[in-house]
Amino acid sequence: MTSLVQSVDWLAIAPPAIAAGAALVVLVADLFLPERRKPLLGALALAGLVLAALSLLPLLDGDRRTFCLTTAPDTCSYAADPFALALQFLVLGGALLTALLSVHTVRDLGLPAGEYWFLLLASAAGAALLPASRDLATLVVALEVASLPAFALVGLRRGSRLSSEAALKFFLSSVAATAVMLLGVSFVYAATGSMHLSRVADGLDAVPAQLSTLATAGVALTLVGFAFKTAAAPFHFWVPDTYVGAPVPVAGYLSVVGKAAGFSGLILVAVLAFPSHAEVWGPVVAVLAALTMTAGNAAALRQNPGRAHSAVRLLAWSSVGQAGYLLVPIAAAAYTDDPNGAIGTTVAYALMYAVVNLGAFGVTALVARTHPEGRITDFRGLWAARPLAALSLGFFLLALAGLPPGIIGLFAKVAVFSAAVEAGLGWLAVVMAVNVVIALYYYLRWTAVLFRAPAPDPAAEPVPAGAPGGTAETAAAAAPERAAGGPAAIPSVPSATPSAPATASVAAPAVTPARPPRAPAPLTAAIGLAAVLGIALSGAPQLVLRFATAALL
C-alpha cells in the first residue's frame, strides 16, 4: 500500500517559515512586554527578516522541491527554484527596508507596536511563500496570507478617516479580486481535474471539447483576479487612495512587496499552468500593459504639487505606470517558444524598481515628519536643509525615469523594450516609449523642486532672538514692540547700565536659522541602504540584468 505521508524539506521552506515564526514570536512577546519595552518588538521583527533572508543562501546551489505527491515525486506543491529564490529575495529585502522605515512611524503615529510588526511579518511570509507555490490552492492561500494583514496595516491608524477609507477600498477591491480568481480556479479544476500547475498545463492540452469553453473562462477569470492584485488598469482604482491613507512605509511596502506577490502569481499561472492558452492571455496582458502604463502616467502628470498628499499620490500613480512596464515581458512570453528570457526581464525590472521605489518612499517619510501634509512643494529647498536626502531622492526619481545617473533604470527599461520588440509586439514597444517620455516630465519636475531655494514663509510669527530658532529679522521685528512698552518692553536706561548689553543683543544679527530635526537612525539607514544598492546596481547593471537571460522556471 502506497503511503500518503509527504516528506517535508524544512530547509526549502525556511524563508517563509522563519518569517511566519518571527510573526508568532512578536505576537506572543507583545503580551508580556511592558509599554516602555515595546520598541524591542521592532528589533525582533528586523532580526526575523534578516534570518529569513539569510536562509536563502543554502538554497542557491540547487533546485529543491517538497510537498510532492507520493505517487508522482516530480509533482510538487513547493519549489525553491531560481525564480522563487529571486522573488523571495526581493520580498524579504523589501520587507526589511519597510521595517527600517517603520521604526519611527510606529512611534510617531502611536500605532500599536505588537499588531503592526505581527501584521508586517505575516504579510511578508505569505508574499515569500507565493513565488514558490506550484499548485493553485497554495497560490490562493499564499496570496491571501500576503493580502489580509495588509488590509489591517493600511487601517491601523485609529481615528483617521483617510486610513479607514483606504482600508475599506483596499479590502473591497481585494475581496472582489479573490472571488473572481477563485471562480476561475474552480472552472480550471473542473476542466482538468488537478490543482498542480504542471498537471493543469497537461490537462488543458487535452481538455474535452464540451469543457473547452469552461476551461477558457477559467483561464480568463483567474488572470482577471491577478490583474486586480497587480493594480493593472482598469482594476487599479484602489491604489491612490489606499496609498494616501496608509502610513508612508506601508504604502511603500504595497508598491513593492504587494506587487511582487501579484506579479509572481500571474507569471506562474500564465507560464506554467496556461501555456496552451497563450493565444487567450497573451493579447489580454498586452492590452492591459498598454492601458496600465498610460493610465498611471497620465494621472501622475495631472497631480497638483500644492495638493495635500500629492507626493504619495504621485508615487502611487507612478507605481501603476511601472506596473504596466512589468506586464510587457509577461505579454511577450506568450509570443515566444522559450518564455524564460521574458520572465527574467520582468524579475530584473522588479528588482530595480523595488530598490529605488522604496528609497523614494523613505525620503518621503523623512520629509513627512516635518511636513505632515506631504505636498510635493514641501520638498522645495530640501537640498539646503538635507543635502544627502535631496541627492538620494533625485537619484531615485531619475532611476525611475530611466535617466543617468540612474543607469540601472535605463538598462531595465531597454531590456523590457527589447523583450517586446523580439516578441513582435512593436505597437506595445511604441506605447511604452511614449509613456517613458511622458513620465520624464513629472519625475524631472519633482527633482527640480528639490534644488530650488526654500520658499519664504509669510505666515511665520516673529520669534525673539533669544528663543530657539530666532533670527536677526525676527529680533528686528520685535524691537518696536519692546520700545513701545509691550509685554517684553525693556525700561529706557542709560547705556552704562547693565541692561544696555541686553538691549543690544536683541538686535544682534548673529543667530542662525534652526536646523531640521535629526532623522531617526533606522530611517537614515533604510534610505542610505537603498541609495547604496541603487548606485551599485547602476555601476554594475549586469548583476540584475543577468536574470533576463537566465532559466528561472
Protein backbone atom coordinates (compact mmCIF):
# COMPACT_ATOMS: atom_id res chain seq x y z
CA MET A 1 0.00 0.00 0.00
CA THR A 2 1.41 3.39 -1.03
CA SER A 3 2.00 5.80 1.84
CA LEU A 4 0.16 9.12 1.61
CA VAL A 5 2.51 10.84 4.07
CA GLN A 6 4.55 13.53 2.32
CA SER A 7 8.10 14.33 3.37
CA VAL A 8 8.93 17.93 4.22
CA ASP A 9 12.18 19.64 3.24
CA TRP A 10 12.48 22.13 6.08
CA LEU A 11 15.44 23.89 4.52
CA ALA A 12 13.50 24.57 1.33
CA ILE A 13 10.59 26.16 3.18
CA ALA A 14 12.81 28.03 5.67
CA PRO A 15 12.38 31.60 4.25
CA PRO A 16 8.58 31.86 4.63
CA ALA A 17 8.60 29.60 7.71
CA ILE A 18 11.09 31.80 9.58
CA ALA A 19 9.12 34.95 8.73
CA ALA A 20 5.91 33.29 9.98
CA GLY A 21 7.67 32.05 13.12
CA ALA A 22 9.01 35.54 13.82
CA ALA A 23 5.46 36.90 13.49
CA LEU A 24 4.25 34.48 16.16
CA VAL A 25 7.19 35.34 18.44
CA VAL A 26 6.37 39.05 18.15
CA LEU A 27 2.69 38.42 18.83
CA VAL A 28 3.43 36.42 22.00
CA ALA A 29 6.16 38.80 23.19
CA ASP A 30 3.73 41.69 22.89
CA LEU A 31 1.61 40.10 25.63
CA PHE A 32 4.41 40.19 28.20
CA LEU A 33 6.46 43.29 27.39
CA PRO A 34 5.60 46.48 29.29
CA GLU A 35 4.78 49.56 27.25
CA ARG A 36 8.22 51.11 27.67
CA ARG A 37 9.84 47.96 26.22
CA LYS A 38 7.62 47.78 23.11
CA PRO A 39 10.44 49.08 20.83
CA LEU A 40 12.07 45.66 21.32
CA LEU A 41 9.35 44.23 19.10
CA GLY A 42 10.74 46.19 16.15
CA ALA A 43 14.18 44.72 16.82
CA LEU A 44 12.67 41.21 16.92
CA ALA A 45 10.90 41.81 13.61
CA LEU A 46 14.10 43.07 11.97
CA ALA A 47 16.02 40.06 13.28
CA GLY A 48 13.38 37.68 11.94
CA LEU A 49 13.50 39.22 8.47
CA VAL A 50 17.31 39.11 8.43
CA LEU A 51 17.28 35.42 9.41
CA ALA A 52 14.65 34.67 6.75
CA ALA A 53 16.76 36.39 4.09
CA LEU A 54 19.93 34.59 5.22
CA SER A 55 18.12 31.25 4.95
CA LEU A 56 18.09 31.77 1.17
CA LEU A 57 21.86 31.29 0.98
CA PRO A 58 21.92 27.47 1.45
CA LEU A 59 19.31 27.15 -1.30
CA LEU A 60 21.36 28.84 -4.02
CA ASP A 61 23.17 25.67 -5.09
CA GLY A 62 20.21 23.58 -6.17
CA ASP A 63 16.57 23.16 -7.17
CA ARG A 64 14.78 21.79 -4.11
CA ARG A 65 11.18 20.65 -4.06
CA THR A 66 8.90 19.47 -1.28
CA PHE A 67 5.27 18.56 -0.55
CA CYS A 68 5.39 16.23 -3.57
CA LEU A 69 2.80 13.56 -4.40
CA THR A 70 3.91 10.18 -3.10
CA THR A 71 2.64 8.59 -6.31
CA ALA A 72 4.38 11.18 -8.54
CA PRO A 73 7.53 12.60 -6.89
CA ASP A 74 8.01 15.11 -9.70
CA THR A 75 4.62 16.76 -8.98
CA CYS A 76 5.15 19.09 -6.03
CA SER A 77 3.39 21.97 -4.31
CA TYR A 78 6.55 23.88 -3.34
CA ALA A 79 9.69 24.54 -5.40
CA ALA A 80 12.75 26.51 -4.30
CA ASP A 81 13.95 27.12 -7.89
CA PRO A 82 15.81 30.21 -9.20
CA PHE A 83 12.54 32.05 -9.89
CA ALA A 84 11.27 31.51 -6.35
CA LEU A 85 14.60 32.45 -4.76
CA ALA A 86 14.90 35.68 -6.76
CA LEU A 87 11.37 36.78 -5.80
CA GLN A 88 11.84 35.70 -2.18
CA PHE A 89 14.98 37.81 -2.01
CA LEU A 90 13.00 40.78 -3.37
CA VAL A 91 10.11 40.22 -0.94
CA LEU A 92 12.22 39.74 2.18
CA GLY A 93 14.61 42.55 1.25
CA GLY A 94 11.67 44.87 0.61
CA ALA A 95 10.08 43.88 3.91
CA LEU A 96 13.38 44.54 5.71
CA LEU A 97 13.64 48.04 4.23
CA THR A 98 9.99 48.63 5.14
CA ALA A 99 10.69 47.56 8.71
CA LEU A 100 13.57 50.05 8.94
CA LEU A 101 11.30 52.79 7.59
CA SER A 102 8.60 51.80 10.07
CA VAL A 103 10.53 52.02 13.35
CA HIS A 104 9.96 55.76 13.73
CA THR A 105 6.49 55.64 12.13
CA VAL A 106 5.15 53.25 14.78
CA ARG A 107 6.35 55.63 17.50
CA ASP A 108 5.40 58.93 15.85
CA LEU A 109 1.86 57.86 14.86
CA GLY A 110 1.22 55.96 18.08
CA LEU A 111 0.49 52.70 16.25
CA PRO A 112 0.11 49.52 18.34
CA ALA A 113 3.60 48.03 18.01
CA GLY A 114 2.71 44.37 18.53
CA GLU A 115 -0.06 44.37 15.95
CA TYR A 116 1.99 46.35 13.42
CA TRP A 117 5.05 44.10 13.46
CA PHE A 118 2.97 40.91 13.55
CA LEU A 119 0.96 42.00 10.52
CA LEU A 120 4.05 43.07 8.58
CA LEU A 121 5.84 39.75 9.22
CA ALA A 122 2.73 37.70 8.44
CA SER A 123 2.22 39.51 5.14
CA ALA A 124 5.89 39.05 4.26
CA ALA A 125 5.61 35.33 5.00
CA GLY A 126 2.70 34.98 2.58
CA ALA A 127 4.47 37.01 -0.09
CA ALA A 128 7.58 34.83 0.30
CA LEU A 129 5.53 31.64 0.00
CA LEU A 130 3.75 32.70 -3.18
CA PRO A 131 6.60 32.53 -5.76
CA ALA A 132 7.48 29.03 -4.56
CA SER A 133 3.90 27.74 -4.82
CA ARG A 134 3.29 25.19 -7.55
CA ASP A 135 -0.39 24.39 -7.16
CA LEU A 136 -3.45 26.61 -7.43
CA ALA A 137 -4.61 26.04 -3.85
CA THR A 138 -1.26 27.06 -2.36
CA LEU A 139 -1.15 30.07 -4.68
CA VAL A 140 -4.53 31.33 -3.48
CA VAL A 141 -3.72 30.72 0.18
CA ALA A 142 -0.33 32.44 -0.09
CA LEU A 143 -1.85 35.42 -1.89
CA GLU A 144 -4.48 35.86 0.81
CA VAL A 145 -1.93 35.48 3.61
CA ALA A 146 0.02 38.30 1.96
CA SER A 147 -3.11 40.44 1.42
CA LEU A 148 -5.21 40.09 4.57
CA PRO A 149 -2.61 41.53 7.01
CA ALA A 150 -2.03 44.37 4.53
CA PHE A 151 -5.67 45.49 4.93
CA ALA A 152 -5.12 45.88 8.65
CA LEU A 153 -1.79 47.65 8.18
CA VAL A 154 -3.48 50.25 5.97
CA GLY A 155 -6.24 50.88 8.51
CA LEU A 156 -4.12 50.70 11.67
CA ARG A 157 -4.21 54.46 12.32
CA ARG A 158 -7.18 54.58 14.66
CA GLY A 159 -9.33 57.66 14.40
CA SER A 160 -8.06 58.57 10.92
CA ARG A 161 -10.80 58.96 8.33
CA LEU A 162 -8.31 58.64 5.46
CA SER A 163 -6.88 55.43 6.90
CA SER A 164 -10.29 53.83 7.40
CA GLU A 165 -11.45 54.79 3.92
CA ALA A 166 -8.22 53.47 2.38
CA ALA A 167 -8.50 50.14 4.21
CA LEU A 168 -12.14 49.74 3.15
CA LYS A 169 -11.40 50.42 -0.53
CA PHE A 170 -8.42 48.07 -0.45
CA PHE A 171 -10.45 45.36 1.28
CA LEU A 172 -13.45 45.55 -1.06
CA SER A 173 -11.35 45.53 -4.23
CA SER A 174 -9.22 42.66 -2.98
CA VAL A 175 -12.24 40.61 -1.94
CA ALA A 176 -13.76 41.10 -5.39
CA ALA A 177 -10.47 40.04 -6.99
CA THR A 178 -10.26 36.95 -4.81
CA ALA A 179 -13.85 35.97 -5.59
CA VAL A 180 -13.24 36.26 -9.34
CA MET A 181 -9.96 34.37 -9.08
CA LEU A 182 -11.50 31.54 -7.03
CA LEU A 183 -14.30 31.20 -9.57
CA GLY A 184 -11.69 30.92 -12.32
CA VAL A 185 -9.65 28.37 -10.34
CA SER A 186 -12.76 26.26 -9.75
CA PHE A 187 -13.51 26.27 -13.50
CA VAL A 188 -9.93 25.23 -14.28
CA TYR A 189 -10.10 22.42 -11.71
CA ALA A 190 -13.41 21.24 -13.12
CA ALA A 191 -11.94 21.11 -16.63
CA THR A 192 -8.60 19.49 -15.75
CA GLY A 193 -9.23 17.57 -12.51
CA SER A 194 -5.99 18.83 -10.97
CA MET A 195 -4.61 21.71 -8.92
CA HIS A 196 -0.87 21.27 -9.55
CA LEU A 197 0.35 23.70 -12.20
CA SER A 198 2.20 21.09 -14.27
CA ARG A 199 -0.84 18.81 -14.38
CA VAL A 200 -3.17 21.72 -15.13
CA ALA A 201 -1.00 22.50 -18.16
CA ASP A 202 -1.24 18.90 -19.35
CA GLY A 203 -4.98 18.80 -18.70
CA LEU A 204 -5.65 21.99 -20.67
CA ASP A 205 -3.78 20.47 -23.62
CA ALA A 206 -6.22 17.56 -23.74
CA VAL A 207 -9.42 19.12 -22.38
CA PRO A 208 -12.59 17.55 -23.84
CA ALA A 209 -14.43 19.63 -26.41
CA GLN A 210 -17.51 20.01 -24.22
CA LEU A 211 -15.34 21.58 -21.48
CA SER A 212 -13.25 23.89 -23.65
CA THR A 213 -15.47 26.92 -23.03
CA LEU A 214 -15.36 26.26 -19.27
CA ALA A 215 -11.58 25.97 -19.38
CA THR A 216 -11.18 29.18 -21.38
CA ALA A 217 -13.46 31.04 -18.96
CA GLY A 218 -11.46 29.68 -16.03
CA VAL A 219 -8.19 30.90 -17.54
CA ALA A 220 -9.63 34.36 -18.20
CA LEU A 221 -11.19 34.76 -14.74
CA THR A 222 -8.03 33.60 -12.98
CA LEU A 223 -5.97 36.16 -14.87
CA VAL A 224 -8.52 38.91 -14.11
CA GLY A 225 -8.18 38.12 -10.40
CA PHE A 226 -4.41 38.53 -10.56
CA ALA A 227 -4.83 41.72 -12.60
CA PHE A 228 -6.60 43.22 -9.56
CA LYS A 229 -3.68 42.20 -7.34
CA THR A 230 -1.11 43.78 -9.66
CA ALA A 231 -3.12 47.04 -9.95
CA ALA A 232 -3.43 46.66 -13.72
CA ALA A 233 -5.87 49.05 -15.40
CA PRO A 234 -8.84 49.13 -15.29
CA PHE A 235 -8.52 47.37 -11.90
CA HIS A 236 -6.23 49.99 -10.39
CA PHE A 237 -8.80 52.40 -8.93
CA TRP A 238 -7.99 51.47 -5.32
CA VAL A 239 -4.28 52.36 -5.48
CA PRO A 240 -4.04 56.16 -4.97
CA ASP A 241 -6.49 56.44 -2.08
CA THR A 242 -5.09 53.34 -0.39
CA TYR A 243 -1.52 54.65 -0.55
CA VAL A 244 -2.54 58.10 0.71
CA GLY A 245 -4.48 56.69 3.68
CA ALA A 246 -1.81 54.19 4.70
CA PRO A 247 1.30 55.11 6.72
CA VAL A 248 4.05 56.01 4.24
CA PRO A 249 6.16 52.86 4.90
CA VAL A 250 3.08 50.67 4.37
CA ALA A 251 2.39 52.44 1.07
CA GLY A 252 5.96 51.69 0.01
CA TYR A 253 5.50 48.06 1.09
CA LEU A 254 2.35 47.70 -1.00
CA SER A 255 4.02 49.28 -4.03
CA VAL A 256 6.91 46.81 -3.95
CA VAL A 257 6.17 43.64 -1.98
CA GLY A 258 2.45 43.61 -2.73
CA LYS A 259 3.12 43.98 -6.44
CA ALA A 260 5.87 41.33 -6.35
CA ALA A 261 3.37 38.85 -4.91
CA GLY A 262 0.77 39.66 -7.54
CA PHE A 263 3.20 39.50 -10.45
CA SER A 264 4.80 36.25 -9.31
CA GLY A 265 1.37 34.62 -9.12
CA LEU A 266 0.43 35.97 -12.55
CA ILE A 267 3.66 34.62 -14.05
CA LEU A 268 3.20 31.18 -12.51
CA VAL A 269 -0.36 30.64 -13.69
CA ALA A 270 0.24 32.12 -17.16
CA VAL A 271 3.54 30.46 -18.00
CA LEU A 272 3.40 27.18 -16.07
CA ALA A 273 -0.34 26.39 -15.93
CA PHE A 274 -1.83 28.04 -19.03
CA PRO A 275 0.80 27.81 -21.81
CA SER A 276 -1.70 26.12 -24.13
CA HIS A 277 -3.96 29.19 -23.85
CA ALA A 278 -1.26 31.72 -24.67
CA GLU A 279 -3.38 32.95 -27.56
CA VAL A 280 -6.00 33.93 -24.96
CA TRP A 281 -3.93 35.57 -22.23
CA GLY A 282 -1.12 36.95 -24.41
CA PRO A 283 -3.16 39.66 -26.19
CA VAL A 284 -5.11 40.38 -22.99
CA VAL A 285 -1.96 41.01 -20.95
CA ALA A 286 -0.52 43.15 -23.77
CA VAL A 287 -3.61 45.36 -23.80
CA LEU A 288 -3.58 45.54 -20.00
CA ALA A 289 0.08 46.61 -20.10
CA ALA A 290 -0.67 49.44 -22.55
CA LEU A 291 -3.72 50.62 -20.58
CA THR A 292 -1.93 50.42 -17.23
CA MET A 293 1.17 52.40 -18.15
CA THR A 294 -0.91 55.02 -19.97
CA ALA A 295 -3.44 55.44 -17.13
CA GLY A 296 -0.74 55.61 -14.48
CA ASN A 297 1.50 58.12 -16.25
CA ALA A 298 -1.40 60.31 -17.42
CA ALA A 299 -2.77 60.53 -13.87
CA ALA A 300 0.67 61.23 -12.41
CA LEU A 301 1.12 64.00 -14.94
CA ARG A 302 -2.04 65.73 -13.65
CA GLN A 303 -1.05 65.81 -9.99
CA ASN A 304 -1.07 69.27 -8.39
CA PRO A 305 2.21 69.77 -6.46
CA GLY A 306 0.45 72.00 -3.93
CA ARG A 307 -2.28 69.50 -3.10
CA ALA A 308 -2.16 67.70 0.24
CA HIS A 309 -0.57 64.23 -0.01
CA SER A 310 0.48 64.93 -3.60
CA ALA A 311 3.89 63.29 -3.04
CA VAL A 312 2.47 59.88 -2.08
CA ARG A 313 -0.31 60.23 -4.66
CA LEU A 314 2.22 60.83 -7.42
CA LEU A 315 4.27 57.81 -6.29
CA ALA A 316 1.05 55.78 -6.29
CA TRP A 317 0.22 56.69 -9.88
CA SER A 318 3.86 56.19 -10.80
CA SER A 319 3.66 52.65 -9.39
CA VAL A 320 0.65 51.99 -11.63
CA GLY A 321 2.68 53.15 -14.64
CA GLN A 322 5.60 50.97 -13.57
CA ALA A 323 3.22 48.01 -13.28
CA GLY A 324 2.45 48.50 -16.96
CA TYR A 325 6.15 48.15 -17.81
CA LEU A 326 6.33 44.97 -15.70
CA LEU A 327 3.43 43.47 -17.67
CA VAL A 328 5.17 43.95 -21.03
CA PRO A 329 7.60 40.99 -20.76
CA ILE A 330 4.80 38.75 -19.43
CA ALA A 331 2.79 39.54 -22.55
CA ALA A 332 5.89 38.89 -24.65
CA ALA A 333 6.24 35.44 -23.06
CA ALA A 334 3.06 34.36 -24.87
CA TYR A 335 4.65 35.01 -28.27
CA THR A 336 7.96 33.18 -27.77
CA ASP A 337 8.84 29.50 -27.72
CA ASP A 338 11.03 29.95 -24.63
CA PRO A 339 9.42 32.36 -22.16
CA ASN A 340 12.35 32.27 -19.73
CA GLY A 341 14.02 35.36 -21.17
CA ALA A 342 10.84 37.42 -20.98
CA ILE A 343 10.07 36.28 -17.43
CA GLY A 344 13.64 37.03 -16.39
CA THR A 345 13.26 40.55 -17.75
CA THR A 346 10.24 41.11 -15.51
CA VAL A 347 12.20 39.83 -12.49
CA ALA A 348 15.16 42.09 -13.35
CA TYR A 349 12.92 45.14 -13.70
CA ALA A 350 11.12 44.29 -10.44
CA LEU A 351 14.42 44.12 -8.55
CA MET A 352 15.49 47.53 -9.85
CA TYR A 353 12.09 49.04 -9.15
CA ALA A 354 11.99 47.66 -5.60
CA VAL A 355 15.25 49.34 -4.59
CA VAL A 356 14.62 52.81 -5.97
CA ASN A 357 10.90 52.98 -5.23
CA LEU A 358 11.33 52.05 -1.56
CA GLY A 359 14.12 54.61 -1.39
CA ALA A 360 11.76 57.29 -2.75
CA PHE A 361 9.13 56.37 -0.17
CA GLY A 362 11.84 56.52 2.50
CA VAL A 363 12.74 60.13 1.69
CA THR A 364 9.03 60.94 1.52
CA ALA A 365 8.61 59.51 5.02
CA LEU A 366 11.54 61.64 6.19
CA VAL A 367 10.02 64.86 4.84
CA ALA A 368 6.59 63.92 6.19
CA ARG A 369 7.98 64.06 9.75
CA THR A 370 8.17 67.87 9.47
CA HIS A 371 5.51 68.38 6.75
CA PRO A 372 2.61 66.01 7.53
CA GLU A 373 0.56 67.28 4.58
CA GLY A 374 3.03 65.61 2.21
CA ARG A 375 2.88 68.09 -0.65
CA ILE A 376 5.47 68.00 -3.42
CA THR A 377 6.01 71.71 -2.75
CA ASP A 378 7.14 70.73 0.77
CA PHE A 379 10.26 69.26 -0.86
CA ARG A 380 11.31 72.68 -2.11
CA GLY A 381 14.70 73.56 -0.68
CA LEU A 382 15.41 70.02 0.54
CA TRP A 383 18.92 70.43 -0.86
CA ALA A 384 19.56 73.32 1.52
CA ALA A 385 18.13 71.54 4.56
CA ARG A 386 19.17 67.91 3.93
CA PRO A 387 21.64 67.65 1.02
CA LEU A 388 22.10 63.87 1.21
CA ALA A 389 18.36 63.23 1.29
CA ALA A 390 17.87 65.53 -1.70
CA LEU A 391 20.62 63.79 -3.67
CA SER A 392 19.18 60.37 -2.78
CA LEU A 393 15.64 61.28 -3.82
CA GLY A 394 16.92 62.89 -7.01
CA PHE A 395 18.79 59.68 -7.83
CA PHE A 396 15.73 57.51 -7.10
CA LEU A 397 13.47 59.64 -9.29
CA LEU A 398 15.96 59.69 -12.16
CA ALA A 399 16.33 55.90 -11.91
CA LEU A 400 12.55 55.51 -12.11
CA ALA A 401 12.59 57.80 -15.14
CA GLY A 402 15.44 55.84 -16.73
CA LEU A 403 17.90 58.73 -16.84
CA PRO A 404 21.57 58.88 -15.79
CA PRO A 405 22.96 58.59 -13.20
CA GLY A 406 20.20 56.03 -12.59
CA ILE A 407 21.75 53.70 -15.15
CA ILE A 408 20.01 50.62 -13.76
CA GLY A 409 16.62 52.19 -14.56
CA LEU A 410 17.71 52.93 -18.13
CA PHE A 411 19.07 49.42 -18.70
CA ALA A 412 15.95 47.81 -17.21
CA LYS A 413 13.67 49.83 -19.49
CA VAL A 414 15.80 48.93 -22.52
CA ALA A 415 15.54 45.23 -21.56
CA VAL A 416 11.74 45.47 -21.33
CA PHE A 417 11.58 47.35 -24.63
CA SER A 418 13.76 44.69 -26.29
CA ALA A 419 11.54 41.89 -24.97
CA ALA A 420 8.52 43.50 -26.64
CA VAL A 421 10.33 44.02 -29.95
CA GLU A 422 11.73 40.48 -30.05
CA ALA A 423 8.26 39.06 -29.42
CA GLY A 424 6.85 41.01 -32.38
CA LEU A 425 4.88 43.43 -30.19
CA GLY A 426 6.11 46.55 -31.96
CA TRP A 427 2.94 48.51 -31.17
CA LEU A 428 3.39 47.82 -27.45
CA ALA A 429 7.02 48.97 -27.64
CA VAL A 430 5.85 52.25 -29.21
CA VAL A 431 3.26 52.76 -26.48
CA MET A 432 5.93 52.13 -23.87
CA ALA A 433 8.33 54.61 -25.49
CA VAL A 434 5.64 57.31 -25.49
CA ASN A 435 4.86 56.64 -21.83
CA VAL A 436 8.51 56.78 -20.84
CA VAL A 437 8.72 60.26 -22.39
CA ILE A 438 5.54 61.34 -20.57
CA ALA A 439 6.92 60.10 -17.26
CA LEU A 440 10.10 62.15 -17.71
CA TYR A 441 8.14 65.34 -17.14
CA TYR A 442 6.74 64.61 -13.70
CA TYR A 443 9.89 62.88 -12.45
CA LEU A 444 12.06 65.80 -13.55
CA ARG A 445 9.58 68.37 -12.21
CA TRP A 446 9.80 66.82 -8.76
CA THR A 447 13.59 66.55 -9.00
CA ALA A 448 13.85 70.26 -9.87
CA VAL A 449 11.82 71.18 -6.77
CA LEU A 450 14.45 69.59 -4.54
CA PHE A 451 17.16 72.03 -5.60
CA ARG A 452 15.14 75.27 -5.65
CA ALA A 453 15.66 77.89 -2.97
CA PRO A 454 13.42 77.41 0.09
CA ALA A 455 10.14 79.28 -0.17
CA PRO A 456 9.66 82.17 2.26
CA ASP A 457 7.01 81.61 4.91
CA PRO A 458 4.85 84.75 5.07
CA ALA A 459 2.81 83.33 7.94
CA ALA A 460 5.80 82.89 10.23
CA GLU A 461 5.34 84.59 13.59
CA PRO A 462 8.11 86.84 14.93
CA VAL A 463 10.37 84.95 17.29
CA PRO A 464 12.59 86.79 19.82
CA ALA A 465 16.28 86.50 19.17
CA GLY A 466 16.84 84.70 22.44
CA ALA A 467 14.28 81.99 21.67
CA PRO A 468 15.16 78.75 19.83
CA GLY A 469 15.07 79.31 16.10
CA GLY A 470 15.10 83.13 16.44
CA THR A 471 16.79 85.12 13.65
CA ALA A 472 18.07 88.62 13.20
CA GLU A 473 14.97 89.50 11.17
CA THR A 474 12.56 88.37 13.86
CA ALA A 475 14.57 90.19 16.50
CA ALA A 476 14.40 93.41 14.50
CA ALA A 477 10.66 92.97 14.06
CA ALA A 478 10.25 92.57 17.81
CA ALA A 479 12.27 95.71 18.69
CA PRO A 480 9.48 98.29 18.05
CA GLU A 481 7.12 96.40 20.36
CA ARG A 482 9.71 96.45 23.09
CA ALA A 483 10.30 100.20 22.67
CA ALA A 484 6.57 100.85 22.86
CA GLY A 485 6.35 99.26 26.29
CA GLY A 486 4.85 95.94 25.20
CA PRO A 487 4.83 92.87 27.37
CA ALA A 488 8.54 92.37 26.88
CA ALA A 489 9.46 96.05 26.96
CA ILE A 490 12.81 96.97 28.48
CA PRO A 491 12.95 100.19 30.53
CA SER A 492 14.88 103.03 28.92
CA VAL A 493 18.10 103.41 30.83
CA PRO A 494 21.45 104.95 30.15
CA SER A 495 23.83 102.92 28.08
CA ALA A 496 26.11 102.49 31.06
CA THR A 497 23.53 100.40 32.91
CA PRO A 498 23.79 96.62 32.93
CA SER A 499 20.69 96.33 30.73
CA ALA A 500 22.35 98.07 27.80
CA PRO A 501 24.15 94.99 26.54
CA ALA A 502 20.88 93.05 26.69
CA THR A 503 19.18 95.70 24.55
CA ALA A 504 21.98 95.49 22.04
CA SER A 505 21.78 91.73 21.94
CA VAL A 506 18.15 91.87 20.84
CA ALA A 507 19.12 93.37 17.53
CA ALA A 508 22.29 91.34 17.10
CA PRO A 509 22.27 89.52 13.72
CA ALA A 510 24.38 86.61 14.92
CA VAL A 511 21.65 84.00 15.41
CA THR A 512 21.39 81.34 12.64
CA PRO A 513 18.19 79.63 11.42
CA ALA A 514 17.16 76.45 13.18
CA ARG A 515 18.27 73.22 11.55
CA PRO A 516 15.76 70.48 10.71
CA PRO A 517 15.41 67.80 13.37
CA ARG A 518 17.81 64.89 13.20
CA ALA A 519 16.48 61.95 11.19
CA PRO A 520 15.96 58.67 13.10
CA ALA A 521 18.84 56.24 12.63
CA PRO A 522 16.71 53.37 11.19
CA LEU A 523 15.12 55.71 8.64
CA THR A 524 18.52 57.08 7.65
CA ALA A 525 19.87 53.53 7.37
CA ALA A 526 16.99 52.48 5.08
CA ILE A 527 17.45 55.45 2.76
CA GLY A 528 21.22 55.00 2.74
CA LEU A 529 20.95 51.28 2.03
CA ALA A 530 18.56 51.89 -0.88
CA ALA A 531 20.87 54.58 -2.26
CA VAL A 532 23.96 52.36 -1.97
CA LEU A 533 22.19 49.46 -3.65
CA GLY A 534 20.89 51.71 -6.43
CA ILE A 535 24.34 53.18 -7.07
CA ALA A 536 25.95 49.73 -7.01
CA LEU A 537 23.41 48.37 -9.50
CA SER A 538 23.89 51.42 -11.73
CA GLY A 539 27.62 50.77 -11.69
CA ALA A 540 27.19 47.07 -12.43
CA PRO A 541 23.73 46.59 -14.02
CA GLN A 542 24.69 43.09 -15.13
CA LEU A 543 24.10 41.97 -11.52
CA VAL A 544 20.37 42.36 -12.14
CA LEU A 545 20.07 42.13 -15.91
CA ARG A 546 21.61 38.66 -15.98
CA PHE A 547 18.20 37.44 -14.83
CA ALA A 548 16.91 38.44 -18.28
CA THR A 549 18.96 35.64 -19.86
CA ALA A 550 18.68 33.08 -17.05
CA ALA A 551 16.48 30.00 -17.00
CA LEU A 552 14.40 30.81 -13.93
CA LEU A 553 11.45 28.46 -14.49
